[in-house]
Each structure stands twice: as C-alpha cells, then as structure tokens.
C-alpha cells in the first residue's frame, strides 16, 4: 500500500512539473516575439519652428522580422508615437489638407558581422498633414530597408528626426515644424537576427528513350512487357455420403475404443437398500430412547 501511494505521489508531481514547464515554454515564445513590437519610451529634445526647446518622452515602436535569411529583403519599421504626457507635438497653426507631413529621420545601423552597411542612414517618410491649430500631429512611419548578405545580428537604433509640412503638389516651400535630437546616451534598438535559410529539398523526374539488342531480335525502341496474369487456382472438393455397405466389402480402418452407446456407468449397490438400512437405524434409536425413558420414570 505504501509503495502504491508513493508511486502515485511521484506521478502527480511529475505531471505538475510537465504542465508548468509547457506553460513556461509556450508562454515564452509570444513574449519573445512581442519584444520587437513593444513601445519603448525615448527622450528627445525638440525645438519648434517658433519657440523654445522642450523635452519630449516619445513612445518608439520598432518592428521587424525576427528571423530573416541572407539575401532576403528586411524591412524595419520605426513608428514615432506621441508622449503619454504633455508636452506633445502639436500644430502651431492649421495645416491644410493639400499639404503633407514629411519626416527626415536618421537611423543608426550596426551589424555583427558586417552583413549590411553600418553607420547613419537618412530616411524620408510622408503622410497626411491636415490638422487644426493645437491638434496633435502624427508623424508617418519610417521604413528602413536592408538586404543582409550573410548570417548575423543587425541593430537598428532611432536617432534625430525633423518634422516638416510641405504642399502635396510639390514646388512649394517646405516648412519646418520640429527639429528633434536624442537626449539619451543609448536609445532603444531593434535587434534582427539573420538566420541561415533552410536547405531546399526537391525531386526531379527525367525522360529518355533507349534501344536494346537481344538474340534473335533487331535494334529498335524498347517496348513494355505485359505483366503475366496469374493462373486461377482451382479447388476440388469431394463429398463422401454414407450408404449401405455392399456384401463382401471390408472396412479398412477399425475404430479404437468401444462404441459410444450412450449408456451409463457399470451398476453398483442399489440405493434403496441404503435408504432402508438408514430408516431401520433411526427407528431402532427411537425405540431405544422410549425404553430408557420408561425405565427411568419407573425407578422414580
């Protein structure tokens, strides 16, 4: 009993450990994947077109492929989100719908090993600009395109950016709205790991013709040989029926043992005699008991 209880406790603990381990393992995968998309606060110092510099705590969203392969195009997205608390990037005056917002951003790229060119890269992005005076501005997303040549790790770090408003038709004057520089020593960075591509597997089929020679044959194209059809198997069943034996016909095999007649075993003592003897003994015992009782009562 003790062994069975101990064995049951071990099985329960093992199952519990397995469930917890599975939860940690499968829960860690979405968590790792979400690091690339989580908003990270980065401090900037922004100078408006007319005004004094101020400190802004932007929410930076850095997203990109988690496991690209060499030779594939890699696109990292840098989204500049408004701070969660004042001050905000707002339009100092109304911006018509015919204008557009332009972000001229710098991105720091570092690769180990040198799978893409490292250094500062300038990227332009445009988006809708229609805003009322005092309304928060939403800078367009900045897209950084790279093509790694080998396996390695690419770090993409946002840097300074300038926000403009310019006419959509072109030919107009680009007006600067904010000029922002990073105020932190190390800002958030997106790490992209370039992994080797899986080996390709494939199957190919080929076609061809050939000629063959043989004794008594001439050269010519090979022809398919028909598959011989197996001959059917014929089963013959013979049925023997019993009938009257002819006179003089001998039996070839003699059955062993006695004939089965259905009779019982050999006769023994008759059961009626045994019952009769038992009845006489019971009667004699009863008579003897009456005589003893009568003699006892005569003495008293």
Protein backbone atom coordinates (compact mmCIF):
# COMPACT_ATOMS: atom_id res chain seq x y z
CA UNK A 1 0.00 0.00 0.00
CA UNK A 2 2.83 2.39 0.86
CA UNK A 3 4.55 1.67 -2.41
CA UNK A 4 1.40 2.40 -4.43
CA UNK A 5 0.81 5.69 -2.55
CA UNK A 6 4.42 6.77 -3.06
CA UNK A 7 4.23 5.89 -6.73
CA UNK A 8 1.00 7.88 -7.13
CA UNK A 9 2.55 10.98 -5.47
CA UNK A 10 5.56 10.79 -7.79
CA UNK A 11 3.30 10.55 -10.85
CA UNK A 12 1.24 13.58 -9.73
CA UNK A 13 4.36 15.69 -9.12
CA UNK A 14 5.83 14.69 -12.48
CA UNK A 15 2.62 15.65 -14.30
CA UNK A 16 2.51 19.01 -12.49
CA UNK A 17 6.12 19.77 -13.41
CA UNK A 18 5.38 18.88 -17.04
CA UNK A 19 2.38 21.22 -17.17
CA UNK A 20 4.33 24.11 -15.64
CA UNK A 21 7.27 23.54 -17.98
CA UNK A 22 4.98 23.51 -21.02
CA UNK A 23 3.36 26.74 -19.90
CA UNK A 24 6.72 28.44 -19.45
CA UNK A 25 7.98 27.21 -22.80
CA UNK A 26 4.94 28.11 -24.88
CA UNK A 27 4.32 31.31 -22.95
CA UNK A 28 7.88 32.46 -23.60
CA UNK A 29 7.55 32.32 -27.37
CA UNK A 30 4.86 35.04 -27.64
CA UNK A 31 6.75 37.10 -25.05
CA UNK A 32 9.96 36.99 -27.08
CA UNK A 33 8.06 37.87 -30.24
CA UNK A 34 6.40 40.83 -28.52
CA UNK A 35 9.72 42.45 -27.59
CA UNK A 36 10.14 43.64 -31.15
CA UNK A 37 6.71 45.32 -31.15
CA UNK A 38 6.62 46.75 -27.60
CA UNK A 39 6.60 50.54 -27.29
CA UNK A 40 9.80 51.89 -25.72
CA UNK A 41 9.97 55.42 -24.28
CA UNK A 42 12.86 57.51 -25.64
CA UNK A 43 13.67 61.04 -24.51
CA UNK A 44 14.17 63.72 -27.20
CA UNK A 45 14.86 67.42 -27.13
CA UNK A 46 12.67 69.10 -29.78
CA UNK A 47 12.88 72.67 -30.97
CA UNK A 48 9.71 74.05 -32.64
CA UNK A 49 9.83 76.47 -35.58
CA UNK A 50 8.91 79.30 -33.25
CA UNK A 51 9.50 78.72 -29.56
CA UNK A 52 11.92 77.29 -27.03
CA UNK A 53 13.26 73.71 -26.90
CA UNK A 54 11.43 71.25 -24.69
CA UNK A 55 11.91 67.66 -23.56
CA UNK A 56 9.59 65.05 -25.07
CA UNK A 57 9.20 61.43 -24.00
CA UNK A 58 8.16 59.71 -27.23
CA UNK A 59 6.92 56.14 -27.45
CA UNK A 60 9.00 54.39 -30.12
CA UNK A 61 7.63 51.28 -31.82
CA UNK A 62 10.36 49.27 -33.55
CA UNK A 63 9.19 46.26 -35.50
CA UNK A 64 10.82 43.94 -37.98
CA UNK A 65 11.21 40.30 -39.00
CA UNK A 66 12.56 38.14 -36.21
CA UNK A 67 14.40 35.55 -38.32
CA UNK A 68 15.14 36.72 -41.88
CA UNK A 69 17.51 34.81 -44.16
CA UNK A 70 20.54 36.02 -46.14
CA UNK A 71 19.61 37.58 -49.48
CA UNK A 72 16.05 38.39 -48.38
CA UNK A 73 14.81 41.98 -48.13
CA UNK A 74 14.49 43.09 -44.50
CA UNK A 75 12.17 45.99 -43.64
CA UNK A 76 12.37 47.56 -40.17
CA UNK A 77 9.55 49.91 -39.17
CA UNK A 78 10.10 52.87 -36.85
CA UNK A 79 6.86 54.42 -35.61
CA UNK A 80 7.08 57.71 -33.67
CA UNK A 81 4.22 57.82 -31.16
CA UNK A 82 3.14 60.86 -29.14
CA UNK A 83 4.24 61.04 -25.48
CA UNK A 84 1.87 59.67 -22.86
CA UNK A 85 2.00 63.01 -21.02
CA UNK A 86 2.47 66.67 -22.01
CA UNK A 87 4.20 68.18 -23.89
CA UNK A 88 3.02 66.88 -27.25
CA UNK A 89 3.87 67.59 -30.88
CA UNK A 90 1.05 69.91 -31.96
CA UNK A 91 0.37 72.10 -34.98
CA UNK A 92 1.12 75.73 -34.16
CA UNK A 93 -1.33 76.76 -36.90
CA UNK A 94 -3.83 74.98 -39.12
CA UNK A 95 -2.33 72.75 -41.81
CA UNK A 96 -4.50 72.38 -44.95
CA UNK A 97 -5.38 69.00 -46.37
CA UNK A 98 -3.41 69.79 -49.51
CA UNK A 99 -0.18 69.59 -47.51
CA UNK A 100 1.62 66.53 -46.21
CA UNK A 101 3.85 65.74 -43.25
CA UNK A 102 7.44 64.79 -44.02
CA UNK A 103 9.83 63.10 -41.58
CA UNK A 104 13.52 63.34 -42.37
CA UNK A 105 14.96 60.80 -39.92
CA UNK A 106 18.42 59.41 -39.14
CA UNK A 107 18.81 55.75 -38.22
CA UNK A 108 21.92 54.17 -36.74
CA UNK A 109 22.64 50.69 -38.15
CA UNK A 110 25.24 48.35 -36.70
CA UNK A 111 25.74 44.77 -37.91
CA UNK A 112 27.82 41.95 -36.43
CA UNK A 113 29.41 40.69 -38.60
CA UNK A 114 29.16 43.24 -41.40
CA UNK A 115 26.15 41.71 -43.17
CA UNK A 116 24.76 45.16 -44.11
CA UNK A 117 26.49 48.56 -44.34
CA UNK A 118 26.78 50.09 -40.88
CA UNK A 119 26.55 53.75 -39.98
CA UNK A 120 23.95 56.53 -40.12
CA UNK A 121 21.25 56.30 -42.77
CA UNK A 122 18.82 59.10 -43.64
CA UNK A 123 15.27 58.03 -44.49
CA UNK A 124 12.31 60.11 -45.68
CA UNK A 125 8.68 59.29 -44.91
CA UNK A 126 5.50 61.18 -45.85
CA UNK A 127 1.93 61.12 -44.57
CA UNK A 128 -1.28 63.08 -44.20
CA UNK A 129 -0.89 66.54 -42.67
CA UNK A 130 -4.41 68.01 -42.32
CA UNK A 131 -4.62 69.37 -38.76
CA UNK A 132 -6.29 72.16 -36.86
CA UNK A 133 -4.31 74.58 -34.75
CA UNK A 134 -3.27 72.94 -31.46
CA UNK A 135 -4.08 69.41 -32.70
CA UNK A 136 -1.57 66.63 -32.07
CA UNK A 137 0.47 65.61 -35.09
CA UNK A 138 1.06 62.01 -36.07
CA UNK A 139 4.39 61.58 -37.87
CA UNK A 140 4.37 58.92 -40.60
CA UNK A 141 6.15 55.62 -40.08
CA UNK A 142 9.79 55.40 -41.14
CA UNK A 143 10.73 52.30 -43.16
CA UNK A 144 14.34 51.10 -43.23
CA UNK A 145 15.09 48.57 -45.98
CA UNK A 146 18.15 46.31 -45.86
CA UNK A 147 19.40 43.16 -47.60
CA UNK A 148 21.77 41.08 -45.45
CA UNK A 149 24.46 39.14 -47.29
CA UNK A 150 25.14 36.55 -44.58
CA UNK A 151 24.01 35.44 -41.15
CA UNK A 152 24.46 37.78 -38.20
CA UNK A 153 22.72 40.34 -36.00
CA UNK A 154 21.54 43.78 -37.17
CA UNK A 155 20.85 46.55 -34.64
CA UNK A 156 18.56 49.39 -35.76
CA UNK A 157 18.51 52.42 -33.42
CA UNK A 158 16.38 55.55 -33.98
CA UNK A 159 18.23 58.85 -33.99
CA UNK A 160 17.40 62.50 -34.71
CA UNK A 161 14.47 63.49 -36.90
CA UNK A 162 12.94 66.66 -38.33
CA UNK A 163 9.24 67.13 -39.00
CA UNK A 164 8.17 69.28 -41.97
CA UNK A 165 4.97 70.35 -43.72
CA UNK A 166 5.05 70.79 -47.49
CA UNK A 167 2.49 71.10 -50.29
CA UNK A 168 1.43 67.79 -51.82
CA UNK A 169 1.60 69.13 -55.37
CA UNK A 170 5.28 70.00 -54.98
CA UNK A 171 7.00 73.18 -55.93
CA UNK A 172 6.10 74.84 -52.64
CA UNK A 173 8.26 75.72 -49.70
CA UNK A 174 8.90 73.06 -47.05
CA UNK A 175 8.15 74.48 -43.61
CA UNK A 176 9.98 73.07 -40.60
CA UNK A 177 7.72 72.22 -37.67
CA UNK A 178 10.01 70.48 -35.13
CA UNK A 179 13.68 69.53 -35.03
CA UNK A 180 14.28 66.70 -32.53
CA UNK A 181 17.52 65.14 -31.26
CA UNK A 182 18.02 62.16 -28.95
CA UNK A 183 18.73 63.20 -25.36
CA UNK A 184 19.65 59.72 -24.09
CA UNK A 185 23.07 58.13 -24.24
CA UNK A 186 21.63 54.83 -25.52
CA UNK A 187 18.21 54.76 -27.10
CA UNK A 188 16.06 51.73 -27.79
CA UNK A 189 17.23 49.48 -30.59
CA UNK A 190 15.67 46.73 -32.65
CA UNK A 191 17.78 43.58 -32.94
CA UNK A 192 17.20 41.49 -36.07
CA UNK A 193 18.85 38.06 -36.20
CA UNK A 194 19.60 36.82 -39.70
CA UNK A 195 19.47 33.03 -39.68
CA UNK A 196 20.60 30.58 -42.34
CA UNK A 197 17.94 29.55 -44.79
CA UNK A 198 16.62 26.00 -44.60
CA UNK A 199 18.20 23.63 -47.13
CA UNK A 200 15.96 23.24 -50.13
CA UNK A 201 14.79 19.75 -50.97
CA UNK A 202 13.29 18.72 -54.29
CA UNK A 203 12.72 15.83 -56.57
CA UNK A 204 13.18 15.72 -60.31
CA UNK A 205 11.93 13.42 -62.98
CA UNK A 206 13.69 12.67 -66.24
CA UNK A 207 12.53 11.20 -69.51
CA UNK A 208 14.55 9.30 -72.06
CA UNK A 209 14.41 6.70 -74.80
CA UNK A 210 16.67 3.77 -75.39
CA UNK A 211 17.23 0.83 -77.70
CA UNK A 212 18.20 -2.72 -76.87
CA UNK A 213 19.51 -5.76 -78.66
CA UNK A 214 18.91 -9.42 -77.98
CA UNK A 215 19.32 -12.78 -79.55
CA UNK A 216 17.02 -13.17 -82.49
CA UNK A 217 15.85 -9.52 -82.32
CA UNK A 218 16.75 -6.37 -84.15
CA UNK A 219 17.55 -2.99 -82.69
CA UNK A 220 14.54 -0.88 -82.03
CA UNK A 221 12.69 1.04 -79.38
CA UNK A 222 12.08 -0.73 -76.14
CA UNK A 223 8.52 -1.80 -75.60
CA UNK A 224 6.87 -2.55 -72.35
CA UNK A 225 6.46 -6.21 -71.47
CA UNK A 226 2.93 -7.07 -70.37
CA UNK A 227 2.64 -8.37 -66.86
CA UNK A 228 1.58 -12.06 -66.93
CA UNK A 229 -1.79 -12.72 -65.43
CA UNK A 230 -1.61 -15.33 -62.65
CA UNK A 231 -3.44 -18.55 -63.39
CA UNK A 232 -6.54 -19.16 -61.31
CA UNK A 233 -6.37 -21.71 -58.56
CA UNK A 234 -8.94 -24.49 -58.87
CA UNK A 235 -10.05 -26.21 -55.69
CA UNK A 236 -11.84 -29.57 -55.99
CA UNK A 237 -13.97 -30.62 -53.05
CA UNK A 238 -15.13 -34.24 -52.78
CA UNK A 239 -18.08 -35.16 -50.59
CA UNK A 240 -18.49 -38.74 -49.35
CA UNK A 241 -22.01 -39.87 -48.44
CA UNK A 242 -22.80 -42.89 -46.31
CA UNK A 243 -24.83 -45.74 -47.71
CA UNK A 244 -25.48 -49.46 -47.29
CA UNK A 245 -22.32 -51.49 -47.38
CA UNK A 246 -22.20 -53.99 -50.12
CA UNK A 247 -21.85 -57.60 -49.30
CA UNK A 248 -18.20 -58.60 -49.11
CA UNK A 249 -16.97 -55.01 -48.69
CA UNK A 250 -14.29 -54.82 -45.99
CA UNK A 251 -13.68 -51.95 -43.57
CA UNK A 252 -10.11 -50.72 -43.99
CA UNK A 253 -9.76 -49.00 -40.59
CA UNK A 254 -11.03 -50.32 -37.28
CA UNK A 255 -12.09 -47.61 -34.81
CA UNK A 256 -10.26 -47.70 -31.50
CA UNK A 257 -12.09 -48.00 -28.20
CA UNK A 258 -15.59 -49.07 -27.53
CA UNK A 259 -18.67 -47.99 -29.34
CA UNK A 260 -20.48 -44.96 -27.99
CA UNK A 261 -23.86 -46.38 -26.92
CA UNK A 262 -24.94 -43.60 -24.57
CA UNK A 263 -25.23 -45.95 -21.55
CA UNK A 264 -24.27 -45.03 -18.03
CA UNK A 265 -21.53 -46.47 -15.88
CA UNK A 266 -21.43 -50.01 -14.50
CA UNK A 267 -24.14 -50.84 -11.96
CA UNK A 268 -23.30 -50.70 -8.19
CA UNK A 269 -25.26 -51.27 -4.94
CA UNK A 270 -28.93 -50.45 -5.08
CA UNK A 271 -29.70 -47.14 -3.37
CA UNK A 272 -33.00 -48.44 -2.00
CA UNK A 273 -31.16 -50.83 0.30
CA UNK A 274 -29.09 -47.98 1.72
CA UNK A 275 -32.21 -45.89 2.40
CA UNK A 276 -33.96 -48.85 4.03
CA UNK A 277 -30.98 -49.52 6.34
CA UNK A 278 -30.86 -45.91 7.41
CA UNK A 279 -34.57 -45.88 8.20
CA UNK A 280 -34.26 -49.02 10.39
CA UNK A 281 -31.41 -47.46 12.35
CA UNK A 282 -33.43 -44.31 13.04
CA UNK A 283 -36.43 -46.40 14.16
CA UNK A 284 -34.25 -48.53 16.47
CA UNK A 285 -32.77 -45.43 18.04
CA UNK A 286 -36.24 -44.05 18.68
CA UNK A 287 -37.46 -47.30 20.31
CA UNK A 288 -34.34 -47.46 22.48
CA UNK A 289 -34.92 -43.93 23.65
CA UNK A 290 -38.51 -44.68 24.68
CA UNK A 291 -37.44 -47.75 26.66
CA UNK A 292 -34.79 -45.80 28.56
CA UNK A 293 -37.26 -43.06 29.43
CA UNK A 294 -39.85 -45.53 30.69
CA UNK A 295 -37.28 -47.35 32.90
CA UNK A 296 -36.15 -44.06 34.39
CA UNK A 297 -39.68 -42.97 35.28
CA UNK A 298 -40.43 -46.48 36.87
CA UNK A 299 -37.47 -46.12 39.29
CA UNK A 300 -38.55 -42.74 40.42
